[in-house]
Amino acid sequence: HVPQARGLTATSEGIVKKRVIGGQGRPECVTV
């Protein structure tokens, strides 16, 4: 159960990703 972060959260390696909904309604994970 993943809570919404307060501000940007990264992995300990410094990788930041974000889940977005594409134009067709399909979820995608994109690198920030």
PDB file of all heavy atoms in Angstrom:
ATOM      1  N   HIS A   1       0.860  -1.183   0.000  1.00  0.00           N
ATOM      2  CA  HIS A   1       0.000   0.000   0.000  1.00  0.00           C
ATOM      3  C   HIS A   1       0.899   1.238   0.000  1.00  0.00           C
ATOM      4  O   HIS A   1       1.431   1.631   1.029  1.00  0.00           O
ATOM      5  CB  HIS A   1      -0.916  -0.016   1.223  1.00  0.00           C
ATOM      6  CG  HIS A   1      -1.683  -1.298   1.364  1.00  0.00           C
ATOM      7  ND1 HIS A   1      -2.816  -1.560   0.636  1.00  0.00           N
ATOM      8  CD2 HIS A   1      -1.442  -2.403   2.129  1.00  0.00           C
ATOM      9  CE1 HIS A   1      -3.270  -2.776   0.959  1.00  0.00           C
ATOM     10  NE2 HIS A   1      -2.451  -3.301   1.862  1.00  0.00           N
ATOM     11  N   VAL A   2       1.066   1.832  -1.173  1.00  0.00           N
ATOM     12  CA  VAL A   2       2.018   2.931  -1.347  1.00  0.00           C
ATOM     13  C   VAL A   2       1.322   4.266  -1.105  1.00  0.00           C
ATOM     14  O   VAL A   2       0.353   4.588  -1.797  1.00  0.00           O
ATOM     15  CB  VAL A   2       2.628   2.916  -2.764  1.00  0.00           C
ATOM     16  CG1 VAL A   2       3.644   4.040  -2.924  1.00  0.00           C
ATOM     17  CG2 VAL A   2       3.262   1.562  -3.061  1.00  0.00           C
ATOM     18  N   PRO A   3       1.811   5.065  -0.138  1.00  0.00           N
ATOM     19  CA  PRO A   3       1.201   6.375   0.104  1.00  0.00           C
ATOM     20  C   PRO A   3       1.699   7.399  -0.903  1.00  0.00           C
ATOM     21  O   PRO A   3       2.738   7.203  -1.543  1.00  0.00           O
ATOM     22  CB  PRO A   3       1.692   6.729   1.514  1.00  0.00           C
ATOM     23  CG  PRO A   3       3.039   6.074   1.590  1.00  0.00           C
ATOM     24  CD  PRO A   3       2.938   4.788   0.791  1.00  0.00           C
ATOM     25  N   GLN A   4       0.961   8.491  -1.066  1.00  0.00           N
ATOM     26  CA  GLN A   4       1.432   9.581  -1.921  1.00  0.00           C
ATOM     27  C   GLN A   4       2.562  10.311  -1.209  1.00  0.00           C
ATOM     28  O   GLN A   4       2.467  10.631  -0.027  1.00  0.00           O
ATOM     29  CB  GLN A   4       0.296  10.560  -2.227  1.00  0.00           C
ATOM     30  CG  GLN A   4       0.708  11.681  -3.168  1.00  0.00           C
ATOM     31  CD  GLN A   4      -0.465  12.576  -3.545  1.00  0.00           C
ATOM     32  OE1 GLN A   4      -1.577  12.387  -3.059  1.00  0.00           O
ATOM     33  NE2 GLN A   4      -0.231  13.544  -4.404  1.00  0.00           N
ATOM     34  N   ALA A   5       3.637  10.556  -1.931  1.00  0.00           N
ATOM     35  CA  ALA A   5       4.800  11.206  -1.327  1.00  0.00           C
ATOM     36  C   ALA A   5       4.558  12.701  -1.176  1.00  0.00           C
ATOM     37  O   ALA A   5       3.797  13.299  -1.937  1.00  0.00           O
ATOM     38  CB  ALA A   5       6.035  10.971  -2.190  1.00  0.00           C
ATOM     39  N   ARG A   6       5.238  13.281  -0.192  1.00  0.00           N
ATOM     40  CA  ARG A   6       5.214  14.732  -0.033  1.00  0.00           C
ATOM     41  C   ARG A   6       6.434  15.287  -0.761  1.00  0.00           C
ATOM     42  O   ARG A   6       7.550  15.223  -0.263  1.00  0.00           O
ATOM     43  CB  ARG A   6       5.265  15.101   1.448  1.00  0.00           C
ATOM     44  CG  ARG A   6       4.052  14.631   2.242  1.00  0.00           C
ATOM     45  CD  ARG A   6       4.177  15.056   3.689  1.00  0.00           C
ATOM     46  NE  ARG A   6       3.015  14.630   4.457  1.00  0.00           N
ATOM     47  CZ  ARG A   6       2.860  14.844   5.769  1.00  0.00           C
ATOM     48  NH1 ARG A   6       3.834  15.466   6.447  1.00  0.00           N
ATOM     49  NH2 ARG A   6       1.773  14.438   6.390  1.00  0.00           N
ATOM     50  N   GLY A   7       6.219  15.790  -1.964  1.00  0.00           N
ATOM     51  CA  GLY A   7       7.349  16.187  -2.786  1.00  0.00           C
ATOM     52  C   GLY A   7       7.902  14.984  -3.526  1.00  0.00           C
ATOM     53  O   GLY A   7       7.390  13.868  -3.410  1.00  0.00           O
ATOM     54  N   LEU A   8       8.954  15.185  -4.285  1.00  0.00           N
ATOM     55  CA  LEU A   8       9.535  14.096  -5.067  1.00  0.00           C
ATOM     56  C   LEU A   8      10.279  13.110  -4.172  1.00  0.00           C
ATOM     57  O   LEU A   8      11.001  13.509  -3.258  1.00  0.00           O
ATOM     58  CB  LEU A   8      10.499  14.640  -6.112  1.00  0.00           C
ATOM     59  CG  LEU A   8       9.883  15.138  -7.421  1.00  0.00           C
ATOM     60  CD1 LEU A   8      10.981  15.626  -8.344  1.00  0.00           C
ATOM     61  CD2 LEU A   8       9.082  14.042  -8.086  1.00  0.00           C
ATOM     62  N   THR A   9      10.099  11.829  -4.455  1.00  0.00           N
ATOM     63  CA  THR A   9      10.818  10.767  -3.762  1.00  0.00           C
ATOM     64  C   THR A   9      11.634   9.990  -4.791  1.00  0.00           C
ATOM     65  O   THR A   9      11.169   9.756  -5.911  1.00  0.00           O
ATOM     66  CB  THR A   9       9.843   9.821  -3.039  1.00  0.00           C
ATOM     67  OG1 THR A   9       9.215  10.537  -1.976  1.00  0.00           O
ATOM     68  CG2 THR A   9      10.569   8.625  -2.465  1.00  0.00           C
ATOM     69  N   ALA A  10      12.866   9.586  -4.401  1.00  0.00           N
ATOM     70  CA  ALA A  10      13.758   8.863  -5.307  1.00  0.00           C
ATOM     71  C   ALA A  10      14.166   7.540  -4.681  1.00  0.00           C
ATOM     72  O   ALA A  10      13.948   7.293  -3.488  1.00  0.00           O
ATOM     73  CB  ALA A  10      15.001   9.710  -5.597  1.00  0.00           C
ATOM     74  N   THR A  11      14.753   6.678  -5.493  1.00  0.00           N
ATOM     75  CA  THR A  11      15.390   5.487  -4.945  1.00  0.00           C
ATOM     76  C   THR A  11      16.687   5.947  -4.272  1.00  0.00           C
ATOM     77  O   THR A  11      17.155   7.070  -4.486  1.00  0.00           O
ATOM     78  CB  THR A  11      15.717   4.466  -6.042  1.00  0.00           C
ATOM     79  OG1 THR A  11      16.770   5.001  -6.860  1.00  0.00           O
ATOM     80  CG2 THR A  11      14.500   4.180  -6.913  1.00  0.00           C
ATOM     81  N   SER A  12      17.301   5.080  -3.475  1.00  0.00           N
ATOM     82  CA  SER A  12      18.557   5.457  -2.814  1.00  0.00           C
ATOM     83  C   SER A  12      19.672   5.664  -3.830  1.00  0.00           C
ATOM     84  O   SER A  12      20.695   6.271  -3.525  1.00  0.00           O
ATOM     85  CB  SER A  12      18.965   4.375  -1.804  1.00  0.00           C
ATOM     86  OG  SER A  12      19.047   3.104  -2.431  1.00  0.00           O
ATOM     87  N   GLU A  13      19.471   5.179  -5.076  1.00  0.00           N
ATOM     88  CA  GLU A  13      20.449   5.407  -6.141  1.00  0.00           C
ATOM     89  C   GLU A  13      20.197   6.728  -6.873  1.00  0.00           C
ATOM     90  O   GLU A  13      20.905   7.068  -7.815  1.00  0.00           O
ATOM     91  CB  GLU A  13      20.417   4.251  -7.159  1.00  0.00           C
ATOM     92  CG  GLU A  13      20.986   2.940  -6.656  1.00  0.00           C
ATOM     93  CD  GLU A  13      19.978   2.198  -5.774  1.00  0.00           C
ATOM     94  OE1 GLU A  13      18.770   2.549  -5.809  1.00  0.00           O
ATOM     95  OE2 GLU A  13      20.407   1.283  -5.040  1.00  0.00           O
ATOM     96  N   GLY A  14      19.168   7.470  -6.456  1.00  0.00           N
ATOM     97  CA  GLY A  14      18.886   8.757  -7.073  1.00  0.00           C
ATOM     98  C   GLY A  14      17.983   8.704  -8.283  1.00  0.00           C
ATOM     99  O   GLY A  14      17.826   9.694  -8.995  1.00  0.00           O
ATOM    100  N   ILE A  15      17.334   7.556  -8.538  1.00  0.00           N
ATOM    101  CA  ILE A  15      16.422   7.422  -9.676  1.00  0.00           C
ATOM    102  C   ILE A  15      15.039   7.914  -9.255  1.00  0.00           C
ATOM    103  O   ILE A  15      14.504   7.485  -8.229  1.00  0.00           O
ATOM    104  CB  ILE A  15      16.347   5.965 -10.157  1.00  0.00           C
ATOM    105  CG1 ILE A  15      17.718   5.499 -10.644  1.00  0.00           C
ATOM    106  CG2 ILE A  15      15.305   5.810 -11.252  1.00  0.00           C
ATOM    107  CD1 ILE A  15      17.780   4.025 -10.957  1.00  0.00           C
ATOM    108  N   VAL A  16      14.462   8.815 -10.045  1.00  0.00           N
ATOM    109  CA  VAL A  16      13.133   9.352  -9.766  1.00  0.00           C
ATOM    110  C   VAL A  16      12.197   8.947 -10.896  1.00  0.00           C
ATOM    111  O   VAL A  16      12.474   9.230 -12.068  1.00  0.00           O
ATOM    112  CB  VAL A  16      13.161  10.892  -9.638  1.00  0.00           C
ATOM    113  CG1 VAL A  16      11.777  11.425  -9.294  1.00  0.00           C
ATOM    114  CG2 VAL A  16      14.170  11.326  -8.589  1.00  0.00           C
ATOM    115  N   LYS A  17      11.151   8.265 -10.547  1.00  0.00           N
ATOM    116  CA  LYS A  17      10.143   7.868 -11.534  1.00  0.00           C
ATOM    117  C   LYS A  17       8.771   8.325 -11.065  1.00  0.00           C
ATOM    118  O   LYS A  17       8.542   8.551  -9.880  1.00  0.00           O
ATOM    119  CB  LYS A  17      10.153   6.351 -11.750  1.00  0.00           C
ATOM    120  CG  LYS A  17      11.353   5.873 -12.558  1.00  0.00           C
ATOM    121  CD  LYS A  17      11.244   4.403 -12.881  1.00  0.00           C
ATOM    122  CE  LYS A  17      12.374   3.933 -13.786  1.00  0.00           C
ATOM    123  NZ  LYS A  17      12.230   4.438 -15.171  1.00  0.00           N
ATOM    124  N   LYS A  18       7.870   8.433 -12.032  1.00  0.00           N
ATOM    125  CA  LYS A  18       6.521   8.872 -11.714  1.00  0.00           C
ATOM    126  C   LYS A  18       5.530   8.149 -12.605  1.00  0.00           C
ATOM    127  O   LYS A  18       5.772   7.961 -13.801  1.00  0.00           O
ATOM    128  CB  LYS A  18       6.413  10.383 -11.922  1.00  0.00           C
ATOM    129  CG  LYS A  18       5.038  10.943 -11.646  1.00  0.00           C
ATOM    130  CD  LYS A  18       4.956  12.374 -12.143  1.00  0.00           C
ATOM    131  CE  LYS A  18       3.518  12.828 -12.116  1.00  0.00           C
ATOM    132  NZ  LYS A  18       3.299  14.009 -12.931  1.00  0.00           N
ATOM    133  N   ARG A  19       4.425   7.741 -12.019  1.00  0.00           N
ATOM    134  CA  ARG A  19       3.380   7.053 -12.775  1.00  0.00           C
ATOM    135  C   ARG A  19       2.450   8.100 -13.387  1.00  0.00           C
ATOM    136  O   ARG A  19       1.973   8.998 -12.704  1.00  0.00           O
ATOM    137  CB  ARG A  19       2.577   6.139 -11.860  1.00  0.00           C
ATOM    138  CG  ARG A  19       1.543   5.266 -12.584  1.00  0.00           C
ATOM    139  CD  ARG A  19       0.875   4.352 -11.573  1.00  0.00           C
ATOM    140  NE  ARG A  19       0.050   3.345 -12.198  1.00  0.00           N
ATOM    141  CZ  ARG A  19      -1.279   3.280 -12.083  1.00  0.00           C
ATOM    142  NH1 ARG A  19      -1.910   4.202 -11.393  1.00  0.00           N
ATOM    143  NH2 ARG A  19      -1.954   2.306 -12.657  1.00  0.00           N
ATOM    144  N   VAL A  20       2.208   7.975 -14.683  1.00  0.00           N
ATOM    145  CA  VAL A  20       1.300   8.875 -15.378  1.00  0.00           C
ATOM    146  C   VAL A  20       0.298   8.034 -16.155  1.00  0.00           C
ATOM    147  O   VAL A  20       0.520   6.853 -16.427  1.00  0.00           O
ATOM    148  CB  VAL A  20       2.045   9.826 -16.337  1.00  0.00           C
ATOM    149  CG1 VAL A  20       3.033  10.688 -15.588  1.00  0.00           C
ATOM    150  CG2 VAL A  20       2.746   9.044 -17.451  1.00  0.00           C
ATOM    151  N   ILE A  21      -0.823   8.642 -16.482  1.00  0.00           N
ATOM    152  CA  ILE A  21      -1.827   8.005 -17.320  1.00  0.00           C
ATOM    153  C   ILE A  21      -1.689   8.591 -18.710  1.00  0.00           C
ATOM    154  O   ILE A  21      -1.847   9.800 -18.905  1.00  0.00           O
ATOM    155  CB  ILE A  21      -3.248   8.236 -16.780  1.00  0.00           C
ATOM    156  CG1 ILE A  21      -3.360   7.710 -15.341  1.00  0.00           C
ATOM    157  CG2 ILE A  21      -4.278   7.569 -17.682  1.00  0.00           C
ATOM    158  CD1 ILE A  21      -3.145   6.224 -15.212  1.00  0.00           C
ATOM    159  N   GLY A  22      -1.384   7.752 -19.672  1.00  0.00           N
ATOM    160  CA  GLY A  22      -1.229   8.214 -21.042  1.00  0.00           C
ATOM    161  C   GLY A  22      -2.554   8.624 -21.648  1.00  0.00           C
ATOM    162  O   GLY A  22      -3.623   8.488 -21.038  1.00  0.00           O
ATOM    163  N   GLY A  23      -2.518   9.152 -22.855  1.00  0.00           N
ATOM    164  CA  GLY A  23      -3.719   9.667 -23.494  1.00  0.00           C
ATOM    165  C   GLY A  23      -4.803   8.635 -23.699  1.00  0.00           C
ATOM    166  O   GLY A  23      -5.976   8.978 -23.755  1.00  0.00           O
ATOM    167  N   GLN A  24      -4.435   7.362 -23.808  1.00  0.00           N
ATOM    168  CA  GLN A  24      -5.428   6.310 -23.994  1.00  0.00           C
ATOM    169  C   GLN A  24      -5.879   5.710 -22.676  1.00  0.00           C
ATOM    170  O   GLN A  24      -6.572   4.692 -22.656  1.00  0.00           O
ATOM    171  CB  GLN A  24      -4.848   5.202 -24.897  1.00  0.00           C
ATOM    172  CG  GLN A  24      -4.453   5.681 -26.274  1.00  0.00           C
ATOM    173  CD  GLN A  24      -5.628   6.237 -27.052  1.00  0.00           C
ATOM    174  OE1 GLN A  24      -6.743   5.747 -26.899  1.00  0.00           O
ATOM    175  NE2 GLN A  24      -5.393   7.263 -27.850  1.00  0.00           N
ATOM    176  N   GLY A  25      -5.489   6.312 -21.556  1.00  0.00           N
ATOM    177  CA  GLY A  25      -5.921   5.822 -20.250  1.00  0.00           C
ATOM    178  C   GLY A  25      -5.074   4.712 -19.691  1.00  0.00           C
ATOM    179  O   GLY A  25      -5.429   4.118 -18.678  1.00  0.00           O
ATOM    180  N   ARG A  26      -3.927   4.401 -20.330  1.00  0.00           N
ATOM    181  CA  ARG A  26      -3.061   3.329 -19.845  1.00  0.00           C
ATOM    182  C   ARG A  26      -1.957   3.898 -18.966  1.00  0.00           C
ATOM    183  O   ARG A  26      -1.368   4.945 -19.295  1.00  0.00           O
ATOM    184  CB  ARG A  26      -2.456   2.556 -21.018  1.00  0.00           C
ATOM    185  CG  ARG A  26      -3.478   1.750 -21.807  1.00  0.00           C
ATOM    186  CD  ARG A  26      -2.769   0.842 -22.797  1.00  0.00           C
ATOM    187  NE  ARG A  26      -2.095   1.594 -23.831  1.00  0.00           N
ATOM    188  CZ  ARG A  26      -2.661   1.919 -24.991  1.00  0.00           C
ATOM    189  NH1 ARG A  26      -3.898   1.586 -25.237  1.00  0.00           N
ATOM    190  NH2 ARG A  26      -1.973   2.608 -25.887  1.00  0.00           N
ATOM    191  N   PRO A  27      -1.634   3.240 -17.842  1.00  0.00           N
ATOM    192  CA  PRO A  27      -0.599   3.766 -16.949  1.00  0.00           C
ATOM    193  C   PRO A  27       0.798   3.552 -17.501  1.00  0.00           C
ATOM    194  O   PRO A  27       1.079   2.563 -18.176  1.00  0.00           O
ATOM    195  CB  PRO A  27      -0.812   2.954 -15.663  1.00  0.00           C
ATOM    196  CG  PRO A  27      -1.428   1.671 -16.119  1.00  0.00           C
ATOM    197  CD  PRO A  27      -2.271   2.016 -17.312  1.00  0.00           C
ATOM    198  N   GLU A  28       1.672   4.511 -17.229  1.00  0.00           N
ATOM    199  CA  GLU A  28       3.070   4.418 -17.634  1.00  0.00           C
ATOM    200  C   GLU A  28       3.938   4.932 -16.500  1.00  0.00           C
ATOM    201  O   GLU A  28       3.533   5.814 -15.748  1.00  0.00           O
ATOM    202  CB  GLU A  28       3.339   5.282 -18.875  1.00  0.00           C
ATOM    203  CG  GLU A  28       2.476   4.992 -20.077  1.00  0.00           C
ATOM    204  CD  GLU A  28       2.696   6.011 -21.181  1.00  0.00           C
ATOM    205  OE1 GLU A  28       3.730   6.717 -21.142  1.00  0.00           O
ATOM    206  OE2 GLU A  28       1.839   6.118 -22.063  1.00  0.00           O
ATOM    207  N   CYS A  29       5.149   4.373 -16.346  1.00  0.00           N
ATOM    208  CA  CYS A  29       6.135   4.889 -15.399  1.00  0.00           C
ATOM    209  C   CYS A  29       7.203   5.617 -16.211  1.00  0.00           C
ATOM    210  O   CYS A  29       7.836   5.020 -17.071  1.00  0.00           O
ATOM    211  CB  CYS A  29       6.784   3.757 -14.594  1.00  0.00           C
ATOM    212  SG  CYS A  29       5.955   3.454 -13.032  1.00  0.00           S
ATOM    213  N   VAL A  30       7.377   6.907 -15.938  1.00  0.00           N
ATOM    214  CA  VAL A  30       8.362   7.683 -16.688  1.00  0.00           C
ATOM    215  C   VAL A  30       9.412   8.217 -15.732  1.00  0.00           C
ATOM    216  O   VAL A  30       9.134   8.515 -14.571  1.00  0.00           O
ATOM    217  CB  VAL A  30       7.687   8.846 -17.443  1.00  0.00           C
ATOM    218  CG1 VAL A  30       6.708   8.331 -18.477  1.00  0.00           C
ATOM    219  CG2 VAL A  30       6.984   9.792 -16.470  1.00  0.00           C
ATOM    220  N   THR A  31      10.638   8.341 -16.226  1.00  0.00           N
ATOM    221  CA  THR A  31      11.729   8.885 -15.416  1.00  0.00           C
ATOM    222  C   THR A  31      11.607  10.401 -15.350  1.00  0.00           C
ATOM    223  O   THR A  31      11.389  11.060 -16.362  1.00  0.00           O
ATOM    224  CB  THR A  31      13.087   8.504 -16.025  1.00  0.00           C
ATOM    225  OG1 THR A  31      13.189   7.078 -16.068  1.00  0.00           O
ATOM    226  CG2 THR A  31      14.230   9.065 -15.196  1.00  0.00           C
ATOM    227  N   VAL A  32      11.743  10.953 -14.140  1.00  0.00           N
ATOM    228  CA  VAL A  32      11.708  12.396 -13.945  1.00  0.00           C
ATOM    229  C   VAL A  32      13.147  12.899 -13.974  1.00  0.00           C
ATOM    230  O   VAL A  32      13.934  12.635 -13.063  1.00  0.00           O
ATOM    231  CB  VAL A  32      11.040  12.767 -12.606  1.00  0.00           C
ATOM    232  CG1 VAL A  32      11.024  14.285 -12.415  1.00  0.00           C
ATOM    233  CG2 VAL A  32       9.624  12.211 -12.555  1.00  0.00           C
TER     234      VAL A  32
END
